[in-house]
Amino acid sequence: MQVSRIAPRRAVSRRALSRVAAAGAVAGTAVLALSVPAFAHVTVQPEGAAAKGGYAVVDFKVPNERDTASTTKVEVDFPADHPLASVMPEPVAGWDVKVTKAKLDKPLTLHGEKIDQAVTKVTWTASDGKGIRPGYFQKFPLSVGALPENADQLVFKAIQTYSNKEVVRWIEVPQAGQDEPENPAPVLQLSAAADDHHGTAAAQDTSDKTENTAAADSHDTDTTARVLAVAGIVVGVAGVAYGVLAGRRRTV
C-alpha cells in the first residue's frame, strides 16, 4: 500500500521537473535569440586609446548578418561637426579603398598649418569577388586625427551593401538612457586628453625645491657641526693651557 501511494507522487515530480526544464530551455533560447543581434552590427573601436587632441588607429568591425549573401561594399561617413584632416587607411587584402575629401567652410589648424579640406567618407569595395562571406566579419583599420578636444565621442554613419543588392544603413544615433536602436551608428568614445606637461613641470619644480631645501639643510647642518667642532677644540686647548699654568703655580 505504501509503495502504490509513493509511486504516483514520484511520477508527478518527474513530470513537473520535465516541464520546468523544458520551460527553462525555451527561455534560454529566447534570451540567446534576443542577445545575438545586439552584437551583430557595425562598430568602431580604437587600438589602444583615442585621446582628445591626439591621433589614434581605429578599427571598423563589419559582420555579415546574412546567410545567402556576402558583404561587398562598406561606406563610412565622417562627422561634419568635428572634421578630421588626417585619415589614412591600412591596406586590406581583397578590398579597394577610396578616401573622399571636401572643402571646409572653416579651415582647421593642424601643426601650425591651415587645412581647408577634411575627409567626409571612406569606402571599401571588395575586389576579389568574395567580400565578407556569411558567418564572417572583417576589420577595416584607419589612422585618424587630430581628434577633437571639445567632444566626448565621434558618431560615424555606415552603409553596408550585400551581393544581392541589399543595403543596410547603420545611421541611427544611440541616445543616453534609451534602448539601443535597431541600426545603431558606430560611436567612437574619446578618452581624456594626454598630459600637457603642466602638471609634470609643477611636479618637477616641487621636486627641485625639495632637493634645494634638503641641500640647504644639509649645508647648515655641516656648518653647525664644524663650528661646534672648532669650539670644542678651542675649549680643549684652553683647558690644557689652564692645567699647565695651574701646575706651574703649585710647583712654585
C-alpha atoms as a PDB file:
ATOM      1  CA  MET A   1       0.000   0.000   0.000  1.00  0.00           C
ATOM      2  CA  GLN A   2       2.769   2.406   0.818  1.00  0.00           C
ATOM      3  CA  VAL A   3       4.533   1.655  -2.453  1.00  0.00           C
ATOM      4  CA  SER A   4       1.402   2.347  -4.503  1.00  0.00           C
ATOM      5  CA  ARG A   5       0.995   5.776  -2.867  1.00  0.00           C
ATOM      6  CA  ILE A   6       4.578   6.883  -3.279  1.00  0.00           C
ATOM      7  CA  ALA A   7       4.935   5.868  -6.930  1.00  0.00           C
ATOM      8  CA  PRO A   8       2.360   8.361  -8.313  1.00  0.00           C
ATOM      9  CA  ARG A   9       3.996  11.201  -6.397  1.00  0.00           C
ATOM     10  CA  ARG A  10       7.351  10.375  -7.933  1.00  0.00           C
ATOM     11  CA  ALA A  11       5.772  10.274 -11.368  1.00  0.00           C
ATOM     12  CA  VAL A  12       4.203  13.685 -10.828  1.00  0.00           C
ATOM     13  CA  SER A  13       7.502  15.107  -9.596  1.00  0.00           C
ATOM     14  CA  ARG A  14       9.320  13.818 -12.668  1.00  0.00           C
ATOM     15  CA  ARG A  15       6.727  15.334 -14.961  1.00  0.00           C
ATOM     16  CA  ALA A  16       6.922  18.684 -13.155  1.00  0.00           C
ATOM     17  CA  LEU A  17      10.709  18.695 -13.413  1.00  0.00           C
ATOM     18  CA  SER A  18      10.493  17.881 -17.126  1.00  0.00           C
ATOM     19  CA  ARG A  19       8.119  20.773 -17.679  1.00  0.00           C
ATOM     20  CA  VAL A  20      10.350  23.163 -15.740  1.00  0.00           C
ATOM     21  CA  ALA A  21      13.419  22.031 -17.672  1.00  0.00           C
ATOM     22  CA  ALA A  22      11.593  22.472 -20.976  1.00  0.00           C
ATOM     23  CA  ALA A  23      10.417  25.944 -19.984  1.00  0.00           C
ATOM     24  CA  GLY A  24      13.951  26.868 -18.935  1.00  0.00           C
ATOM     25  CA  ALA A  25      15.352  25.681 -22.238  1.00  0.00           C
ATOM     26  CA  VAL A  26      12.809  27.742 -24.177  1.00  0.00           C
ATOM     27  CA  ALA A  27      13.548  30.813 -22.047  1.00  0.00           C
ATOM     28  CA  GLY A  28      17.296  30.354 -22.533  1.00  0.00           C
ATOM     29  CA  THR A  29      16.852  30.065 -26.280  1.00  0.00           C
ATOM     30  CA  ALA A  30      14.735  33.227 -26.300  1.00  0.00           C
ATOM     31  CA  VAL A  31      17.373  35.143 -24.343  1.00  0.00           C
ATOM     32  CA  LEU A  32      20.060  33.935 -26.718  1.00  0.00           C
ATOM     33  CA  ALA A  33      17.981  34.918 -29.734  1.00  0.00           C
ATOM     34  CA  LEU A  34      17.432  38.380 -28.299  1.00  0.00           C
ATOM     35  CA  SER A  35      21.081  38.883 -27.325  1.00  0.00           C
ATOM     36  CA  VAL A  36      22.720  37.870 -30.605  1.00  0.00           C
ATOM     37  CA  PRO A  37      21.504  40.799 -32.767  1.00  0.00           C
ATOM     38  CA  ALA A  38      22.822  43.297 -30.201  1.00  0.00           C
ATOM     39  CA  PHE A  39      26.365  42.363 -31.165  1.00  0.00           C
ATOM     40  CA  ALA A  40      25.857  41.924 -34.895  1.00  0.00           C
ATOM     41  CA  HIS A  41      26.207  45.464 -36.134  1.00  0.00           C
ATOM     42  CA  VAL A  42      28.940  47.736 -37.455  1.00  0.00           C
ATOM     43  CA  THR A  43      31.102  49.098 -34.638  1.00  0.00           C
ATOM     44  CA  VAL A  44      34.269  51.163 -34.229  1.00  0.00           C
ATOM     45  CA  GLN A  45      36.924  50.588 -31.570  1.00  0.00           C
ATOM     46  CA  PRO A  46      40.371  52.164 -31.054  1.00  0.00           C
ATOM     47  CA  GLU A  47      43.535  50.132 -30.953  1.00  0.00           C
ATOM     48  CA  GLY A  48      44.681  51.412 -27.589  1.00  0.00           C
ATOM     49  CA  ALA A  49      43.499  54.875 -26.560  1.00  0.00           C
ATOM     50  CA  ALA A  50      41.663  57.516 -28.566  1.00  0.00           C
ATOM     51  CA  ALA A  51      42.660  60.613 -26.594  1.00  0.00           C
ATOM     52  CA  LYS A  52      41.230  64.034 -27.239  1.00  0.00           C
ATOM     53  CA  GLY A  53      43.551  66.172 -29.332  1.00  0.00           C
ATOM     54  CA  GLY A  54      45.668  63.180 -30.361  1.00  0.00           C
ATOM     55  CA  TYR A  55      45.841  60.553 -33.088  1.00  0.00           C
ATOM     56  CA  ALA A  56      44.552  57.002 -32.975  1.00  0.00           C
ATOM     57  CA  VAL A  57      44.212  53.838 -35.030  1.00  0.00           C
ATOM     58  CA  VAL A  58      40.589  52.714 -35.104  1.00  0.00           C
ATOM     59  CA  ASP A  59      39.007  49.533 -36.455  1.00  0.00           C
ATOM     60  CA  PHE A  60      35.605  49.443 -38.104  1.00  0.00           C
ATOM     61  CA  LYS A  61      34.283  45.941 -37.479  1.00  0.00           C
ATOM     62  CA  VAL A  62      31.744  44.763 -40.061  1.00  0.00           C
ATOM     63  CA  PRO A  63      29.935  41.437 -39.535  1.00  0.00           C
ATOM     64  CA  ASN A  64      27.917  39.596 -42.180  1.00  0.00           C
ATOM     65  CA  GLU A  65      24.343  39.095 -40.952  1.00  0.00           C
ATOM     66  CA  ARG A  66      23.024  37.271 -43.997  1.00  0.00           C
ATOM     67  CA  ASP A  67      23.053  33.540 -44.714  1.00  0.00           C
ATOM     68  CA  THR A  68      22.995  33.665 -48.511  1.00  0.00           C
ATOM     69  CA  ALA A  69      24.822  36.899 -49.427  1.00  0.00           C
ATOM     70  CA  SER A  70      28.260  38.434 -48.923  1.00  0.00           C
ATOM     71  CA  THR A  71      29.108  41.991 -47.919  1.00  0.00           C
ATOM     72  CA  THR A  72      30.737  43.602 -50.947  1.00  0.00           C
ATOM     73  CA  LYS A  73      30.835  47.287 -50.007  1.00  0.00           C
ATOM     74  CA  VAL A  74      31.225  49.337 -46.826  1.00  0.00           C
ATOM     75  CA  GLU A  75      30.883  53.132 -46.651  1.00  0.00           C
ATOM     76  CA  VAL A  76      31.693  55.173 -43.554  1.00  0.00           C
ATOM     77  CA  ASP A  77      30.611  58.815 -43.367  1.00  0.00           C
ATOM     78  CA  PHE A  78      32.683  61.069 -41.105  1.00  0.00           C
ATOM     79  CA  PRO A  79      31.144  63.612 -38.700  1.00  0.00           C
ATOM     80  CA  ALA A  80      30.800  67.071 -40.214  1.00  0.00           C
ATOM     81  CA  ASP A  81      30.653  68.802 -36.821  1.00  0.00           C
ATOM     82  CA  HIS A  82      34.125  67.529 -35.901  1.00  0.00           C
ATOM     83  CA  PRO A  83      36.054  67.173 -39.188  1.00  0.00           C
ATOM     84  CA  LEU A  84      39.237  65.110 -39.277  1.00  0.00           C
ATOM     85  CA  ALA A  85      42.000  66.406 -41.519  1.00  0.00           C
ATOM     86  CA  SER A  86      44.176  63.292 -41.404  1.00  0.00           C
ATOM     87  CA  VAL A  87      42.697  59.894 -42.317  1.00  0.00           C
ATOM     88  CA  MET A  88      44.945  57.120 -43.610  1.00  0.00           C
ATOM     89  CA  PRO A  89      43.597  53.625 -44.363  1.00  0.00           C
ATOM     90  CA  GLU A  90      45.572  50.444 -43.823  1.00  0.00           C
ATOM     91  CA  PRO A  91      45.537  48.127 -46.857  1.00  0.00           C
ATOM     92  CA  VAL A  92      43.078  45.242 -46.511  1.00  0.00           C
ATOM     93  CA  ALA A  93      43.611  42.206 -48.731  1.00  0.00           C
ATOM     94  CA  GLY A  94      40.800  41.746 -51.240  1.00  0.00           C
ATOM     95  CA  TRP A  95      39.465  45.287 -50.843  1.00  0.00           C
ATOM     96  CA  ASP A  96      39.900  48.576 -52.688  1.00  0.00           C
ATOM     97  CA  VAL A  97      39.671  51.724 -50.589  1.00  0.00           C
ATOM     98  CA  LYS A  98      38.731  55.275 -51.546  1.00  0.00           C
ATOM     99  CA  VAL A  99      39.092  58.352 -49.338  1.00  0.00           C
ATOM    100  CA  THR A 100      36.757  61.233 -50.187  1.00  0.00           C
ATOM    101  CA  LYS A 101      37.524  64.806 -49.097  1.00  0.00           C
ATOM    102  CA  ALA A 102      35.554  68.034 -49.186  1.00  0.00           C
ATOM    103  CA  LYS A 103      36.345  71.705 -48.671  1.00  0.00           C
ATOM    104  CA  LEU A 104      35.694  73.075 -45.217  1.00  0.00           C
ATOM    105  CA  ASP A 105      33.675  76.182 -44.509  1.00  0.00           C
ATOM    106  CA  LYS A 106      36.061  76.965 -41.680  1.00  0.00           C
ATOM    107  CA  PRO A 107      39.682  75.877 -42.195  1.00  0.00           C
ATOM    108  CA  LEU A 108      41.398  73.823 -39.492  1.00  0.00           C
ATOM    109  CA  THR A 109      44.810  74.500 -37.973  1.00  0.00           C
ATOM    110  CA  LEU A 110      46.990  71.404 -37.851  1.00  0.00           C
ATOM    111  CA  HIS A 111      50.617  71.566 -36.717  1.00  0.00           C
ATOM    112  CA  GLY A 112      50.622  75.305 -37.333  1.00  0.00           C
ATOM    113  CA  GLU A 113      49.249  74.974 -40.859  1.00  0.00           C
ATOM    114  CA  LYS A 114      45.755  75.821 -42.090  1.00  0.00           C
ATOM    115  CA  ILE A 115      43.844  72.894 -43.589  1.00  0.00           C
ATOM    116  CA  ASP A 116      40.906  73.725 -45.848  1.00  0.00           C
ATOM    117  CA  GLN A 117      39.890  70.114 -46.594  1.00  0.00           C
ATOM    118  CA  ALA A 118      38.759  67.209 -44.441  1.00  0.00           C
ATOM    119  CA  VAL A 119      37.724  63.611 -45.037  1.00  0.00           C
ATOM    120  CA  THR A 120      33.985  63.119 -45.426  1.00  0.00           C
ATOM    121  CA  LYS A 121      33.827  59.449 -46.409  1.00  0.00           C
ATOM    122  CA  VAL A 122      35.881  56.266 -46.707  1.00  0.00           C
ATOM    123  CA  THR A 123      34.630  53.491 -48.994  1.00  0.00           C
ATOM    124  CA  TRP A 124      35.828  49.892 -49.145  1.00  0.00           C
ATOM    125  CA  THR A 125      34.812  47.767 -52.142  1.00  0.00           C
ATOM    126  CA  ALA A 126      35.526  44.044 -52.476  1.00  0.00           C
ATOM    127  CA  SER A 127      37.959  43.483 -55.316  1.00  0.00           C
ATOM    128  CA  ASP A 128      38.268  39.684 -55.179  1.00  0.00           C
ATOM    129  CA  GLY A 129      34.573  38.971 -55.739  1.00  0.00           C
ATOM    130  CA  LYS A 130      34.243  37.370 -52.296  1.00  0.00           C
ATOM    131  CA  GLY A 131      33.886  40.174 -49.755  1.00  0.00           C
ATOM    132  CA  ILE A 132      32.734  39.211 -46.282  1.00  0.00           C
ATOM    133  CA  ARG A 133      31.127  35.777 -46.529  1.00  0.00           C
ATOM    134  CA  PRO A 134      28.231  34.576 -44.351  1.00  0.00           C
ATOM    135  CA  GLY A 135      29.394  33.728 -40.845  1.00  0.00           C
ATOM    136  CA  TYR A 136      32.462  36.016 -41.004  1.00  0.00           C
ATOM    137  CA  PHE A 137      33.415  39.576 -40.132  1.00  0.00           C
ATOM    138  CA  GLN A 138      36.107  41.972 -41.354  1.00  0.00           C
ATOM    139  CA  LYS A 139      38.064  44.774 -39.691  1.00  0.00           C
ATOM    140  CA  PHE A 140      38.896  47.944 -41.609  1.00  0.00           C
ATOM    141  CA  PRO A 141      41.682  49.928 -39.846  1.00  0.00           C
ATOM    142  CA  LEU A 142      42.160  53.693 -40.155  1.00  0.00           C
ATOM    143  CA  SER A 143      44.663  56.118 -38.671  1.00  0.00           C
ATOM    144  CA  VAL A 144      42.746  59.279 -37.770  1.00  0.00           C
ATOM    145  CA  GLY A 145      43.440  62.673 -36.206  1.00  0.00           C
ATOM    146  CA  ALA A 146      43.729  65.070 -34.792  1.00  0.00           C
ATOM    147  CA  LEU A 147      40.776  64.071 -32.622  1.00  0.00           C
ATOM    148  CA  PRO A 148      38.660  66.958 -31.306  1.00  0.00           C
ATOM    149  CA  GLU A 149      39.371  68.325 -27.846  1.00  0.00           C
ATOM    150  CA  ASN A 150      35.817  69.576 -27.250  1.00  0.00           C
ATOM    151  CA  ALA A 151      33.925  66.297 -27.727  1.00  0.00           C
ATOM    152  CA  ASP A 152      33.490  63.078 -25.754  1.00  0.00           C
ATOM    153  CA  GLN A 153      32.626  60.927 -28.754  1.00  0.00           C
ATOM    154  CA  LEU A 154      32.505  60.824 -32.539  1.00  0.00           C
ATOM    155  CA  VAL A 155      29.494  59.380 -34.349  1.00  0.00           C
ATOM    156  CA  PHE A 156      30.072  57.773 -37.733  1.00  0.00           C
ATOM    157  CA  LYS A 157      27.373  56.552 -40.108  1.00  0.00           C
ATOM    158  CA  ALA A 158      27.971  53.350 -42.050  1.00  0.00           C
ATOM    159  CA  ILE A 159      26.264  51.799 -45.063  1.00  0.00           C
ATOM    160  CA  GLN A 160      26.671  48.068 -45.715  1.00  0.00           C
ATOM    161  CA  THR A 161      25.907  46.641 -49.172  1.00  0.00           C
ATOM    162  CA  TYR A 162      25.408  42.935 -49.863  1.00  0.00           C
ATOM    163  CA  SER A 163      25.985  40.922 -53.028  1.00  0.00           C
ATOM    164  CA  ASN A 164      22.208  40.582 -53.502  1.00  0.00           C
ATOM    165  CA  LYS A 165      21.971  44.423 -53.699  1.00  0.00           C
ATOM    166  CA  GLU A 166      20.503  44.716 -50.205  1.00  0.00           C
ATOM    167  CA  VAL A 167      21.605  47.863 -48.353  1.00  0.00           C
ATOM    168  CA  VAL A 168      21.671  48.215 -44.554  1.00  0.00           C
ATOM    169  CA  ARG A 169      22.096  51.709 -43.133  1.00  0.00           C
ATOM    170  CA  TRP A 170      23.768  51.894 -39.715  1.00  0.00           C
ATOM    171  CA  ILE A 171      22.869  55.530 -39.132  1.00  0.00           C
ATOM    172  CA  GLU A 172      20.717  55.720 -36.000  1.00  0.00           C
ATOM    173  CA  VAL A 173      22.452  57.690 -33.254  1.00  0.00           C
ATOM    174  CA  PRO A 174      22.248  55.965 -29.826  1.00  0.00           C
ATOM    175  CA  GLN A 175      20.777  58.164 -27.087  1.00  0.00           C
ATOM    176  CA  ALA A 176      21.802  58.022 -23.432  1.00  0.00           C
ATOM    177  CA  GLY A 177      19.198  56.406 -21.221  1.00  0.00           C
ATOM    178  CA  GLN A 178      17.351  54.816 -24.141  1.00  0.00           C
ATOM    179  CA  ASP A 179      17.361  51.361 -25.674  1.00  0.00           C
ATOM    180  CA  GLU A 180      19.822  50.732 -28.456  1.00  0.00           C
ATOM    181  CA  PRO A 181      18.249  51.454 -31.852  1.00  0.00           C
ATOM    182  CA  GLU A 182      17.750  48.717 -34.407  1.00  0.00           C
ATOM    183  CA  ASN A 183      20.507  50.002 -36.697  1.00  0.00           C
ATOM    184  CA  PRO A 184      22.893  51.950 -34.431  1.00  0.00           C
ATOM    185  CA  ALA A 185      25.637  54.098 -35.916  1.00  0.00           C
ATOM    186  CA  PRO A 186      29.244  53.333 -34.910  1.00  0.00           C
ATOM    187  CA  VAL A 187      30.324  55.537 -31.995  1.00  0.00           C
ATOM    188  CA  LEU A 188      33.954  56.193 -31.041  1.00  0.00           C
ATOM    189  CA  GLN A 189      34.398  57.106 -27.373  1.00  0.00           C
ATOM    190  CA  LEU A 190      37.209  59.589 -26.702  1.00  0.00           C
ATOM    191  CA  SER A 191      39.372  59.432 -23.589  1.00  0.00           C
ATOM    192  CA  ALA A 192      40.837  62.347 -21.637  1.00  0.00           C
ATOM    193  CA  ALA A 193      43.495  64.436 -23.331  1.00  0.00           C
ATOM    194  CA  ALA A 194      47.106  63.442 -22.844  1.00  0.00           C
ATOM    195  CA  ASP A 195      49.190  65.251 -20.196  1.00  0.00           C
ATOM    196  CA  ASP A 196      50.202  68.717 -21.427  1.00  0.00           C
ATOM    197  CA  HIS A 197      53.255  68.656 -19.138  1.00  0.00           C
ATOM    198  CA  HIS A 198      51.943  71.452 -16.915  1.00  0.00           C
ATOM    199  CA  GLY A 199      51.457  69.022 -14.093  1.00  0.00           C
ATOM    200  CA  THR A 200      54.822  67.428 -14.825  1.00  0.00           C
ATOM    201  CA  ALA A 201      56.552  70.795 -14.748  1.00  0.00           C
ATOM    202  CA  ALA A 202      54.915  71.655 -11.439  1.00  0.00           C
ATOM    203  CA  ALA A 203      55.921  68.307 -10.021  1.00  0.00           C
ATOM    204  CA  GLN A 204      59.469  68.811 -11.271  1.00  0.00           C
ATOM    205  CA  ASP A 205      59.563  72.315  -9.778  1.00  0.00           C
ATOM    206  CA  THR A 206      58.361  70.979  -6.439  1.00  0.00           C
ATOM    207  CA  SER A 207      60.957  68.227  -6.576  1.00  0.00           C
ATOM    208  CA  ASP A 208      63.703  70.759  -7.336  1.00  0.00           C
ATOM    209  CA  LYS A 209      62.600  72.939  -4.421  1.00  0.00           C
ATOM    210  CA  THR A 210      62.622  69.935  -2.120  1.00  0.00           C
ATOM    211  CA  GLU A 211      66.094  68.962  -3.238  1.00  0.00           C
ATOM    212  CA  ASN A 212      67.344  72.536  -2.814  1.00  0.00           C
ATOM    213  CA  THR A 213      65.817  72.746   0.667  1.00  0.00           C
ATOM    214  CA  ALA A 214      67.357  69.425   1.618  1.00  0.00           C
ATOM    215  CA  ALA A 215      70.727  70.575   0.278  1.00  0.00           C
ATOM    216  CA  ALA A 216      70.465  73.845   2.222  1.00  0.00           C
ATOM    217  CA  ASP A 217      69.530  71.996   5.403  1.00  0.00           C
ATOM    218  CA  SER A 218      72.435  69.634   4.897  1.00  0.00           C
ATOM    219  CA  HIS A 219      74.799  72.564   4.346  1.00  0.00           C
ATOM    220  CA  ASP A 220      73.557  74.294   7.507  1.00  0.00           C
ATOM    221  CA  THR A 221      73.969  71.085   9.476  1.00  0.00           C
ATOM    222  CA  ASP A 222      77.548  70.636   8.236  1.00  0.00           C
ATOM    223  CA  THR A 223      78.390  74.260   9.103  1.00  0.00           C
ATOM    224  CA  THR A 224      76.953  73.913  12.597  1.00  0.00           C
ATOM    225  CA  ALA A 225      78.894  70.721  13.150  1.00  0.00           C
ATOM    226  CA  ARG A 226      82.110  72.372  12.032  1.00  0.00           C
ATOM    227  CA  VAL A 227      81.545  75.367  14.318  1.00  0.00           C
ATOM    228  CA  LEU A 228      80.878  73.095  17.265  1.00  0.00           C
ATOM    229  CA  ALA A 229      83.956  71.056  16.477  1.00  0.00           C
ATOM    230  CA  VAL A 230      86.169  74.152  16.331  1.00  0.00           C
ATOM    231  CA  ALA A 231      84.644  75.451  19.531  1.00  0.00           C
ATOM    232  CA  GLY A 232      85.328  72.115  21.178  1.00  0.00           C
ATOM    233  CA  ILE A 233      88.934  72.245  20.067  1.00  0.00           C
ATOM    234  CA  VAL A 234      89.324  75.786  21.397  1.00  0.00           C
ATOM    235  CA  VAL A 235      87.793  74.812  24.719  1.00  0.00           C
ATOM    236  CA  GLY A 236      90.057  71.776  24.882  1.00  0.00           C
ATOM    237  CA  VAL A 237      93.186  73.841  24.174  1.00  0.00           C
ATOM    238  CA  ALA A 238      92.120  76.388  26.746  1.00  0.00           C
ATOM    239  CA  GLY A 239      91.618  73.628  29.309  1.00  0.00           C
ATOM    240  CA  VAL A 240      95.055  72.177  28.642  1.00  0.00           C
ATOM    241  CA  ALA A 241      96.683  75.620  28.944  1.00  0.00           C
ATOM    242  CA  TYR A 242      94.875  76.280  32.198  1.00  0.00           C
ATOM    243  CA  GLY A 243      96.042  72.934  33.563  1.00  0.00           C
ATOM    244  CA  VAL A 244      99.645  73.654  32.647  1.00  0.00           C
ATOM    245  CA  LEU A 245      99.571  77.082  34.322  1.00  0.00           C
ATOM    246  CA  ALA A 246      97.934  75.690  37.405  1.00  0.00           C
ATOM    247  CA  GLY A 247     100.635  73.040  37.667  1.00  0.00           C
ATOM    248  CA  ARG A 248     103.391  75.619  37.457  1.00  0.00           C
ATOM    249  CA  ARG A 249     101.826  77.730  40.235  1.00  0.00           C
ATOM    250  CA  ARG A 250     101.700  74.747  42.574  1.00  0.00           C
ATOM    251  CA  THR A 251     105.346  73.944  41.847  1.00  0.00           C
ATOM    252  CA  VAL A 252     106.426  77.470  42.674  1.00  0.00           C
END
